[in-house]
């Protein structure tokens, strides 16, 4: 077994051939990690604490990755159920999936045994090549990363760009395809940042920080600490992009040491000396100081609307400028960018009622942005998995916008109680998502909007927010067929 101290100084490009690697978590991330490790000659054991999982079920996940993955399914060792000390002691390294909390008893036992713990991001970074542009933050990550990916494809060529991470494409799946000229545009979650060591993006960005995942991180202080880790290995050669209007991030940027990355700011509220800002409906960049201000784009030329999206555009543009992308190419991409699925996505209209899919609004702050973007009286679908969030500011944002709140999922009573405390009504509680949708269309009148923006995660009812959004759009389609709107 290789001790934690023995793994500390492993650099990018490390040879893991022959190493015995315990991969903790048999989901998509774990499967991707095993495939990468096997391709590099390592000896992974795929472990999951769910004793009801069978080897056949786990191996079937490899087959879903295509015919080339079948050989990996046959080669990997699989263990389910209780984690034995023998398995821990025989491991040189542990690669932990983002969904596995780092403070549970089995993980503590691995750590106490001196086995180094990496996450999938650390593994993929260590075995990949090229530049990394990484984005984290509570909200806005997916839109920002999707746009930045399109910018880089225009600048560097589609074959050289990999959009990876929490956006749905495991970083591990792209590692073998990277070359020195490659660019990985990565959406990085707080769960993934818990287990980095050498991860070193050339450009990093934190869009904002508001309460989220406190059931995992326990305190806001810990959540902030983990988010800020994205910059911990950056140097003066690198760029860190931060939200000037976020007090936590402003303090973080202002405390950066001279040896740390150069800080570029963005704001939708004020003019900045260094960074991007919104002025008179125009997004402007002041990368070379106030004397070198450039007009980037008028907001009415964009297909995505709202102050939060102007901030997302600012982050993506700053990252592109940091790698010297010409402004004319940037403008071309910005004008053509349609936004992302499941984020205030127009899902159609029937009987004069417009439907919007914001399934990616998985916390109150994100859901507030969707409410603020509505231009019609809105019937809002909320509720889902409980992440220990507070819903007060979300309810307060309803004034003059939301005419009814329809709730479903584990948080429905908690949110209903919060709405009552703030004097908001009417509130409807439903048992199923289908009942929730039917209640909305029963309440809606011509000129209204039905908005799915739950302020909660989807777990317990759906596999992920994407499935929840797809089901919502399917229900809209069926409703349009029934009303003859097709």
Protein backbone atom coordinates (compact mmCIF):
# COMPACT_ATOMS: atom_id res chain seq x y z
CA UNK A 1 0.00 0.00 0.00
CA UNK A 2 1.25 3.49 -0.85
CA UNK A 3 0.81 5.95 2.01
CA UNK A 4 -0.93 9.28 1.67
CA UNK A 5 2.38 11.08 2.09
CA UNK A 6 3.85 8.97 -0.68
CA UNK A 7 1.11 10.12 -3.06
CA UNK A 8 1.21 13.81 -2.15
CA UNK A 9 3.85 14.77 -4.69
CA UNK A 10 2.39 12.92 -7.66
CA UNK A 11 2.46 15.26 -10.64
CA UNK A 12 0.34 15.46 -13.75
CA UNK A 13 1.25 12.61 -16.08
CA UNK A 14 1.80 10.10 -13.27
CA UNK A 15 2.11 6.45 -14.29
CA UNK A 16 -0.50 4.46 -12.38
CA UNK A 17 0.18 1.17 -14.17
CA UNK A 18 0.15 -1.75 -11.78
CA UNK A 19 -1.34 0.32 -8.97
CA UNK A 20 -4.19 -1.18 -7.01
CA UNK A 21 -6.96 1.42 -6.94
CA UNK A 22 -10.13 1.24 -4.88
CA UNK A 23 -12.88 3.05 -6.81
CA UNK A 24 -15.62 3.97 -4.32
CA UNK A 25 -19.07 4.34 -5.91
CA UNK A 26 -20.48 2.22 -8.73
CA UNK A 27 -22.38 4.93 -10.59
CA UNK A 28 -21.49 6.72 -13.83
CA UNK A 29 -18.50 8.44 -12.25
CA UNK A 30 -17.08 5.22 -10.82
CA UNK A 31 -17.50 3.38 -14.11
CA UNK A 32 -15.69 6.19 -15.95
CA UNK A 33 -12.86 6.10 -13.41
CA UNK A 34 -12.45 2.33 -13.83
CA UNK A 35 -12.36 2.56 -17.61
CA UNK A 36 -9.65 5.24 -17.45
CA UNK A 37 -7.61 3.33 -14.86
CA UNK A 38 -7.80 0.07 -16.81
CA UNK A 39 -6.74 1.84 -20.00
CA UNK A 40 -3.62 3.04 -18.13
CA UNK A 41 -2.71 -0.39 -16.77
CA UNK A 42 -3.98 0.12 -13.22
CA UNK A 43 -5.84 -2.58 -11.28
CA UNK A 44 -9.10 -1.05 -10.05
CA UNK A 45 -11.61 -2.64 -7.72
CA UNK A 46 -15.06 -1.06 -8.13
CA UNK A 47 -16.72 -0.91 -4.71
CA UNK A 48 -20.24 0.10 -3.67
CA UNK A 49 -21.77 -0.16 -0.21
CA UNK A 50 -25.15 -1.19 -1.62
CA UNK A 51 -25.21 -4.92 -0.91
CA UNK A 52 -28.30 -5.39 -3.08
CA UNK A 53 -26.35 -4.45 -6.22
CA UNK A 54 -25.32 -7.50 -8.24
CA UNK A 55 -22.15 -7.81 -10.32
CA UNK A 56 -24.26 -8.15 -13.44
CA UNK A 57 -26.05 -4.87 -12.69
CA UNK A 58 -22.75 -3.06 -12.21
CA UNK A 59 -21.14 -4.58 -15.30
CA UNK A 60 -24.18 -3.61 -17.36
CA UNK A 61 -23.28 0.05 -16.79
CA UNK A 62 -20.03 -0.46 -18.70
CA UNK A 63 -21.90 -1.95 -21.65
CA UNK A 64 -24.00 1.22 -21.91
CA UNK A 65 -20.80 3.11 -22.78
CA UNK A 66 -20.48 1.19 -26.04
CA UNK A 67 -18.82 -1.96 -27.37
CA UNK A 68 -15.29 -0.84 -26.44
CA UNK A 69 -16.31 -0.75 -22.78
CA UNK A 70 -17.28 -4.42 -22.68
CA UNK A 71 -13.65 -5.47 -22.22
CA UNK A 72 -13.40 -3.13 -19.23
CA UNK A 73 -16.55 -4.67 -17.73
CA UNK A 74 -14.93 -8.08 -17.94
CA UNK A 75 -11.61 -6.89 -16.52
CA UNK A 76 -12.74 -4.93 -13.47
CA UNK A 77 -13.14 -6.48 -10.03
CA UNK A 78 -16.43 -5.64 -8.29
CA UNK A 79 -17.19 -5.68 -4.57
CA UNK A 80 -20.47 -4.67 -2.91
CA UNK A 81 -21.65 -4.58 0.69
CA UNK A 82 -19.53 -3.91 3.77
CA UNK A 83 -16.04 -2.50 3.13
CA UNK A 84 -13.46 -4.92 4.48
CA UNK A 85 -10.19 -3.89 6.05
CA UNK A 86 -8.45 -6.32 3.73
CA UNK A 87 -9.65 -4.38 0.69
CA UNK A 88 -8.52 -1.09 2.22
CA UNK A 89 -5.09 -2.44 3.15
CA UNK A 90 -4.52 -3.84 -0.34
CA UNK A 91 -5.15 -0.48 -2.03
CA UNK A 92 -2.51 2.01 -3.19
CA UNK A 93 -5.05 4.73 -3.93
CA UNK A 94 -8.78 5.39 -3.50
CA UNK A 95 -10.79 7.26 -6.16
CA UNK A 96 -14.07 8.42 -4.66
CA UNK A 97 -17.18 9.36 -6.66
CA UNK A 98 -18.59 12.87 -6.06
CA UNK A 99 -21.83 11.47 -4.64
CA UNK A 100 -20.00 9.71 -1.78
CA UNK A 101 -19.66 11.99 1.30
CA UNK A 102 -16.06 12.28 2.45
CA UNK A 103 -16.93 12.09 6.16
CA UNK A 104 -18.81 8.77 6.30
CA UNK A 105 -17.40 5.87 8.30
CA UNK A 106 -15.98 3.78 5.40
CA UNK A 107 -14.18 6.81 3.93
CA UNK A 108 -12.81 7.72 7.36
CA UNK A 109 -11.41 4.19 7.64
CA UNK A 110 -9.70 4.55 4.26
CA UNK A 111 -8.19 7.88 5.32
CA UNK A 112 -7.07 6.53 8.71
CA UNK A 113 -5.29 3.66 6.94
CA UNK A 114 -3.13 6.22 5.12
CA UNK A 115 -4.59 5.57 1.65
CA UNK A 116 -4.61 8.69 -0.52
CA UNK A 117 -8.15 9.74 -1.55
CA UNK A 118 -8.65 11.32 -4.96
CA UNK A 119 -11.84 12.40 -6.68
CA UNK A 120 -12.64 11.80 -10.35
CA UNK A 121 -11.48 15.34 -11.21
CA UNK A 122 -8.07 14.75 -9.65
CA UNK A 123 -7.74 11.41 -11.44
CA UNK A 124 -8.76 12.81 -14.82
CA UNK A 125 -6.55 15.89 -14.45
CA UNK A 126 -3.55 13.76 -13.49
CA UNK A 127 -3.95 11.57 -16.57
CA UNK A 128 -4.87 14.25 -19.12
CA UNK A 129 -3.02 16.91 -21.12
CA UNK A 130 -3.62 20.47 -22.28
CA UNK A 131 -5.17 23.56 -20.71
CA UNK A 132 -8.03 23.51 -18.21
CA UNK A 133 -10.63 26.27 -17.87
CA UNK A 134 -12.70 25.50 -14.77
CA UNK A 135 -15.93 27.04 -13.48
CA UNK A 136 -17.61 26.56 -10.12
CA UNK A 137 -20.22 28.47 -8.12
CA UNK A 138 -23.67 27.86 -6.70
CA UNK A 139 -25.56 28.95 -9.82
CA UNK A 140 -24.78 29.71 -13.44
CA UNK A 141 -22.13 27.02 -13.92
CA UNK A 142 -23.85 25.05 -16.66
CA UNK A 143 -24.81 28.03 -18.82
CA UNK A 144 -21.34 29.52 -18.40
CA UNK A 145 -19.50 26.29 -19.20
CA UNK A 146 -21.73 25.51 -22.18
CA UNK A 147 -21.10 28.99 -23.63
CA UNK A 148 -17.38 28.82 -22.87
CA UNK A 149 -17.24 25.45 -24.60
CA UNK A 150 -18.79 26.98 -27.73
CA UNK A 151 -16.31 29.86 -27.59
CA UNK A 152 -13.36 27.50 -27.34
CA UNK A 153 -14.63 25.31 -30.19
CA UNK A 154 -14.77 28.40 -32.41
CA UNK A 155 -11.28 29.48 -31.29
CA UNK A 156 -9.36 26.20 -30.97
CA UNK A 157 -11.36 23.87 -33.21
CA UNK A 158 -14.03 21.44 -32.08
CA UNK A 159 -11.67 18.45 -32.15
CA UNK A 160 -9.44 20.08 -29.53
CA UNK A 161 -12.14 21.00 -26.98
CA UNK A 162 -13.70 18.79 -24.30
CA UNK A 163 -16.60 20.09 -22.19
CA UNK A 164 -16.56 17.96 -19.05
CA UNK A 165 -17.34 17.63 -15.36
CA UNK A 166 -20.56 18.19 -13.48
CA UNK A 167 -22.22 19.22 -16.75
CA UNK A 168 -22.92 15.54 -17.47
CA UNK A 169 -19.81 14.31 -19.31
CA UNK A 170 -17.38 12.74 -16.81
CA UNK A 171 -13.91 14.29 -17.04
CA UNK A 172 -12.49 10.75 -16.89
CA UNK A 173 -14.16 9.90 -20.22
CA UNK A 174 -12.22 12.67 -22.00
CA UNK A 175 -8.78 12.21 -20.43
CA UNK A 176 -7.44 9.71 -22.97
CA UNK A 177 -8.52 11.91 -25.89
CA UNK A 178 -6.62 14.98 -24.67
CA UNK A 179 -3.42 16.23 -26.29
CA UNK A 180 -1.02 19.08 -25.41
CA UNK A 181 -3.12 21.38 -27.64
CA UNK A 182 -6.41 20.33 -26.00
CA UNK A 183 -8.66 22.53 -23.89
CA UNK A 184 -10.87 21.02 -21.18
CA UNK A 185 -13.72 23.31 -20.17
CA UNK A 186 -14.85 21.90 -16.84
CA UNK A 187 -17.89 22.47 -14.65
CA UNK A 188 -16.67 21.65 -11.16
CA UNK A 189 -19.00 21.06 -8.20
CA UNK A 190 -18.24 21.51 -4.53
CA UNK A 191 -18.41 17.73 -4.15
CA UNK A 192 -15.62 17.38 -6.72
CA UNK A 193 -13.49 20.11 -5.14
CA UNK A 194 -13.45 18.28 -1.82
CA UNK A 195 -10.99 15.74 -3.21
CA UNK A 196 -8.56 17.70 -5.41
CA UNK A 197 -4.82 17.84 -4.71
CA UNK A 198 -2.83 18.95 -7.77
CA UNK A 199 -5.76 20.15 -9.93
CA UNK A 200 -4.51 23.36 -11.55
CA UNK A 201 -6.69 25.23 -14.05
CA UNK A 202 -5.07 27.95 -16.15
CA UNK A 203 -8.32 29.92 -15.79
CA UNK A 204 -10.76 29.41 -12.93
CA UNK A 205 -14.02 31.15 -12.11
CA UNK A 206 -16.48 31.25 -9.23
CA UNK A 207 -19.82 32.60 -10.42
CA UNK A 208 -21.38 33.23 -6.99
CA UNK A 209 -21.79 31.59 -3.58
CA UNK A 210 -25.17 31.22 -1.88
CA UNK A 211 -26.35 28.52 0.56
CA UNK A 212 -26.55 25.07 -1.05
CA UNK A 213 -25.67 21.45 -0.23
CA UNK A 214 -25.51 22.22 3.49
CA UNK A 215 -26.70 18.67 4.17
CA UNK A 216 -23.34 17.59 2.71
CA UNK A 217 -20.99 20.37 3.85
CA UNK A 218 -22.84 21.04 7.16
CA UNK A 219 -21.82 24.71 7.48
CA UNK A 220 -21.72 27.67 5.10
CA UNK A 221 -18.10 28.26 6.08
CA UNK A 222 -17.13 24.78 4.88
CA UNK A 223 -19.11 25.18 1.65
CA UNK A 224 -17.27 28.45 0.94
CA UNK A 225 -13.88 26.92 1.77
CA UNK A 226 -14.45 24.04 -0.63
CA UNK A 227 -15.63 26.32 -3.46
CA UNK A 228 -12.56 28.53 -3.09
CA UNK A 229 -10.27 25.51 -3.46
CA UNK A 230 -10.61 25.82 -7.23
CA UNK A 231 -7.84 28.45 -7.12
CA UNK A 232 -5.54 26.91 -4.52
CA UNK A 233 -2.92 25.67 -7.01
CA UNK A 234 -3.05 28.66 -9.33
CA UNK A 235 -0.05 30.99 -9.73
CA UNK A 236 0.66 34.46 -11.14
CA UNK A 237 0.58 32.93 -14.62
CA UNK A 238 -3.13 32.10 -14.17
CA UNK A 239 -6.41 34.02 -14.02
CA UNK A 240 -9.17 33.81 -11.39
CA UNK A 241 -12.55 35.29 -12.36
CA UNK A 242 -14.80 36.41 -9.49
CA UNK A 243 -18.16 38.08 -8.93
CA UNK A 244 -17.54 41.57 -7.54
CA UNK A 245 -21.10 41.77 -6.21
CA UNK A 246 -20.67 38.67 -4.04
CA UNK A 247 -19.27 39.84 -0.70
CA UNK A 248 -17.66 36.47 0.04
CA UNK A 249 -15.91 36.38 -3.32
CA UNK A 250 -14.89 40.02 -3.17
CA UNK A 251 -13.18 39.36 0.13
CA UNK A 252 -11.56 36.24 -1.30
CA UNK A 253 -10.21 38.09 -4.33
CA UNK A 254 -8.94 41.03 -2.32
CA UNK A 255 -7.07 38.67 0.02
CA UNK A 256 -5.24 36.88 -2.82
CA UNK A 257 -1.47 36.75 -2.26
CA UNK A 258 0.99 38.26 -4.79
CA UNK A 259 1.97 34.72 -5.75
CA UNK A 260 -1.64 33.78 -6.46
CA UNK A 261 -3.57 34.19 -9.70
CA UNK A 262 -4.46 37.50 -11.32
CA UNK A 263 -8.02 38.40 -10.31
CA UNK A 264 -10.46 39.60 -12.97
CA UNK A 265 -13.88 40.78 -11.78
CA UNK A 266 -17.35 40.89 -13.32
CA UNK A 267 -20.42 42.89 -12.31
CA UNK A 268 -23.88 43.64 -13.66
CA UNK A 269 -24.28 46.61 -11.29
CA UNK A 270 -21.25 48.90 -11.59
CA UNK A 271 -18.34 49.96 -13.79
CA UNK A 272 -15.09 48.16 -13.01
CA UNK A 273 -11.45 49.10 -13.50
CA UNK A 274 -10.50 45.50 -14.29
CA UNK A 275 -12.93 42.98 -15.73
CA UNK A 276 -16.38 43.05 -17.32
CA UNK A 277 -19.42 45.14 -16.49
CA UNK A 278 -22.83 46.19 -17.81
CA UNK A 279 -23.36 49.82 -18.76
CA UNK A 280 -26.31 51.28 -20.66
CA UNK A 281 -27.35 47.89 -22.02
CA UNK A 282 -23.84 47.05 -23.25
CA UNK A 283 -21.46 44.46 -21.81
CA UNK A 284 -17.99 45.99 -21.68
CA UNK A 285 -14.52 44.60 -20.97
CA UNK A 286 -11.72 46.50 -19.24
CA UNK A 287 -8.93 43.93 -19.37
CA UNK A 288 -6.19 46.50 -19.98
CA UNK A 289 -7.50 48.91 -17.37
CA UNK A 290 -10.04 51.70 -17.65
CA UNK A 291 -8.25 53.22 -20.67
CA UNK A 292 -8.72 50.06 -22.71
CA UNK A 293 -12.47 49.52 -22.33
CA UNK A 294 -14.02 47.57 -25.21
CA UNK A 295 -17.69 47.14 -26.07
CA UNK A 296 -18.32 43.39 -26.18
CA UNK A 297 -22.00 43.10 -27.09
CA UNK A 298 -25.35 44.81 -26.60
CA UNK A 299 -27.65 42.77 -24.38
CA UNK A 300 -30.43 43.01 -26.98
CA UNK A 301 -28.16 41.06 -29.36
CA UNK A 302 -28.16 38.07 -26.99
CA UNK A 303 -30.70 35.25 -27.11
CA UNK A 304 -30.47 34.71 -23.34
CA UNK A 305 -31.99 37.32 -21.04
CA UNK A 306 -31.76 38.46 -17.45
CA UNK A 307 -29.01 39.96 -15.28
CA UNK A 308 -27.88 36.51 -14.15
CA UNK A 309 -27.30 35.49 -17.77
CA UNK A 310 -25.37 38.70 -18.49
CA UNK A 311 -23.12 37.67 -15.61
CA UNK A 312 -22.73 34.17 -17.06
CA UNK A 313 -21.77 35.71 -20.41
CA UNK A 314 -19.24 37.93 -18.65
CA UNK A 315 -17.51 34.95 -17.03
CA UNK A 316 -17.29 33.06 -20.32
CA UNK A 317 -15.99 36.09 -22.20
CA UNK A 318 -13.35 36.84 -19.57
CA UNK A 319 -12.14 33.23 -19.71
CA UNK A 320 -11.94 33.45 -23.50
CA UNK A 321 -10.02 36.73 -23.32
CA UNK A 322 -7.63 35.15 -20.80
CA UNK A 323 -6.56 32.67 -23.49
CA UNK A 324 -6.36 35.46 -26.11
CA UNK A 325 -9.45 34.72 -28.20
CA UNK A 326 -10.14 37.55 -30.68
CA UNK A 327 -13.11 39.75 -29.81
CA UNK A 328 -14.74 39.36 -33.24
CA UNK A 329 -14.89 35.58 -32.81
CA UNK A 330 -16.32 36.05 -29.31
CA UNK A 331 -19.12 38.26 -30.64
CA UNK A 332 -20.03 35.73 -33.34
CA UNK A 333 -20.52 32.98 -30.76
CA UNK A 334 -22.42 35.18 -28.29
CA UNK A 335 -24.99 36.20 -30.89
CA UNK A 336 -25.67 32.57 -31.87
CA UNK A 337 -25.81 31.05 -28.37
CA UNK A 338 -29.38 29.85 -27.53
CA UNK A 339 -28.91 28.98 -23.85
CA UNK A 340 -29.07 25.56 -22.22
CA UNK A 341 -31.75 22.93 -21.74
CA UNK A 342 -33.61 22.93 -18.39
CA UNK A 343 -32.61 26.53 -17.53
CA UNK A 344 -35.63 28.84 -18.04
CA UNK A 345 -36.25 26.87 -21.23
CA UNK A 346 -39.38 27.75 -23.20
CA UNK A 347 -41.36 24.49 -23.47
CA UNK A 348 -44.29 25.65 -25.59
CA UNK A 349 -47.71 27.28 -25.32
CA UNK A 350 -51.26 25.92 -25.24
CA UNK A 351 -54.52 27.74 -24.66
CA UNK A 352 -52.66 31.00 -24.21
CA UNK A 353 -50.58 29.50 -21.35
CA UNK A 354 -46.77 29.49 -21.73
CA UNK A 355 -44.70 26.70 -20.15
CA UNK A 356 -41.12 27.11 -18.91
CA UNK A 357 -38.76 24.34 -17.83
CA UNK A 358 -36.29 25.48 -15.17
CA UNK A 359 -35.65 22.04 -13.69
CA UNK A 360 -32.04 23.09 -13.14
CA UNK A 361 -33.28 25.55 -10.53
CA UNK A 362 -32.29 23.14 -7.75
CA UNK A 363 -31.80 25.71 -4.98
CA UNK A 364 -33.69 28.84 -3.89
CA UNK A 365 -31.23 31.33 -5.35
CA UNK A 366 -31.39 29.74 -8.82
CA UNK A 367 -35.17 29.55 -8.61
CA UNK A 368 -35.39 33.24 -7.71
CA UNK A 369 -33.64 34.07 -11.00
CA UNK A 370 -36.32 32.16 -12.90
CA UNK A 371 -39.16 33.92 -11.05
CA UNK A 372 -37.56 37.29 -11.79
CA UNK A 373 -37.36 36.43 -15.50
CA UNK A 374 -41.12 35.78 -15.82
CA UNK A 375 -43.17 38.38 -17.69
CA UNK A 376 -46.60 36.80 -17.06
CA UNK A 377 -48.64 35.91 -13.96
CA UNK A 378 -47.01 32.62 -13.00
CA UNK A 379 -48.13 29.33 -11.50
CA UNK A 380 -44.98 27.87 -9.98
CA UNK A 381 -44.07 24.21 -9.40
CA UNK A 382 -41.75 23.73 -6.43
CA UNK A 383 -40.46 21.06 -4.10
CA UNK A 384 -38.28 17.98 -4.16
CA UNK A 385 -35.37 16.60 -2.17
CA UNK A 386 -34.47 18.40 1.06
CA UNK A 387 -30.94 19.87 1.00
CA UNK A 388 -31.52 21.76 4.26
CA UNK A 389 -32.18 24.96 2.32
CA UNK A 390 -34.06 27.98 3.61
CA UNK A 391 -36.93 29.11 1.37
CA UNK A 392 -37.69 32.55 2.83
CA UNK A 393 -36.02 34.69 0.15
CA UNK A 394 -37.53 32.53 -2.58
CA UNK A 395 -41.06 33.05 -1.20
CA UNK A 396 -40.37 36.77 -0.81
CA UNK A 397 -39.48 37.00 -4.52
CA UNK A 398 -43.02 35.90 -5.49
CA UNK A 399 -44.61 39.33 -4.93
CA UNK A 400 -46.27 40.54 -8.10
CA UNK A 401 -45.06 37.49 -10.02
CA UNK A 402 -46.43 34.20 -8.65
CA UNK A 403 -50.21 33.73 -8.46
CA UNK A 404 -50.14 30.15 -7.11
CA UNK A 405 -47.57 27.71 -5.73
CA UNK A 406 -47.97 23.99 -6.44
CA UNK A 407 -45.74 21.72 -4.35
CA UNK A 408 -44.59 18.12 -4.61
CA UNK A 409 -41.85 15.97 -3.07
CA UNK A 410 -40.22 15.64 0.34
CA UNK A 411 -40.04 19.41 0.97
CA UNK A 412 -43.67 20.24 0.20
CA UNK A 413 -44.83 20.66 3.81
CA UNK A 414 -41.69 22.60 4.77
CA UNK A 415 -42.14 25.01 1.86
CA UNK A 416 -45.89 25.30 2.50
CA UNK A 417 -45.19 26.28 6.10
CA UNK A 418 -42.66 28.88 4.93
CA UNK A 419 -45.19 30.30 2.44
CA UNK A 420 -47.82 30.53 5.18
CA UNK A 421 -45.38 32.32 7.49
CA UNK A 422 -44.84 34.92 4.75
CA UNK A 423 -48.56 35.27 4.07
CA UNK A 424 -48.40 33.79 0.59
CA UNK A 425 -51.36 31.88 -0.84
CA UNK A 426 -52.76 29.86 -2.52
CA UNK A 427 -50.55 26.81 -2.04
CA UNK A 428 -51.44 23.34 -3.33
CA UNK A 429 -49.82 20.07 -2.18
CA UNK A 430 -49.68 17.13 -4.58
CA UNK A 431 -48.61 13.50 -4.28
CA UNK A 432 -47.20 12.97 -7.78
CA UNK A 433 -45.52 15.08 -10.42
CA UNK A 434 -48.35 14.35 -12.86
CA UNK A 435 -50.92 15.56 -10.31
CA UNK A 436 -48.80 18.66 -9.84
CA UNK A 437 -48.85 19.40 -13.59
CA UNK A 438 -52.61 18.77 -13.85
CA UNK A 439 -53.23 21.15 -10.93
CA UNK A 440 -51.23 23.85 -12.70
CA UNK A 441 -53.10 23.61 -16.00
CA UNK A 442 -56.37 23.58 -14.08
CA UNK A 443 -55.41 26.87 -12.42
CA UNK A 444 -53.86 28.58 -15.44
CA UNK A 445 -55.72 31.11 -17.56
CA UNK A 446 -54.83 32.53 -20.95
CA UNK A 447 -51.94 34.95 -20.50
CA UNK A 448 -50.43 33.01 -17.58
CA UNK A 449 -47.21 31.02 -17.38
CA UNK A 450 -46.55 27.64 -15.75
CA UNK A 451 -42.99 27.51 -14.46
CA UNK A 452 -41.15 24.45 -13.20
CA UNK A 453 -38.42 25.90 -10.98
CA UNK A 454 -38.43 23.67 -7.89
CA UNK A 455 -35.72 25.26 -5.67
CA UNK A 456 -34.88 21.66 -4.71
CA UNK A 457 -32.96 18.69 -6.07
CA UNK A 458 -34.84 15.97 -7.92
CA UNK A 459 -33.60 12.94 -5.97
CA UNK A 460 -36.26 10.62 -4.61
CA UNK A 461 -38.61 11.23 -7.55
CA UNK A 462 -36.22 11.40 -10.50
CA UNK A 463 -32.72 10.24 -11.33
CA UNK A 464 -31.58 13.85 -11.87
CA UNK A 465 -32.87 17.31 -12.79
CA UNK A 466 -32.55 16.42 -16.48
CA UNK A 467 -35.05 13.57 -16.18
CA UNK A 468 -37.41 15.84 -14.23
CA UNK A 469 -37.19 18.47 -16.98
CA UNK A 470 -37.78 15.92 -19.73
CA UNK A 471 -40.86 14.56 -17.96
CA UNK A 472 -42.20 18.11 -17.60
CA UNK A 473 -41.71 18.75 -21.32
CA UNK A 474 -43.41 15.45 -22.16
CA UNK A 475 -46.40 16.48 -20.06
CA UNK A 476 -46.50 19.84 -21.87
CA UNK A 477 -46.44 18.04 -25.23
CA UNK A 478 -49.30 15.75 -24.20
CA UNK A 479 -51.28 18.76 -22.97
CA UNK A 480 -50.74 20.55 -26.28
CA UNK A 481 -52.01 17.44 -28.12
CA UNK A 482 -55.10 17.31 -25.90
CA UNK A 483 -55.87 20.99 -26.44
CA UNK A 484 -55.17 20.87 -30.18
CA UNK A 485 -52.30 23.32 -29.86
CA UNK A 486 -50.01 21.24 -32.07
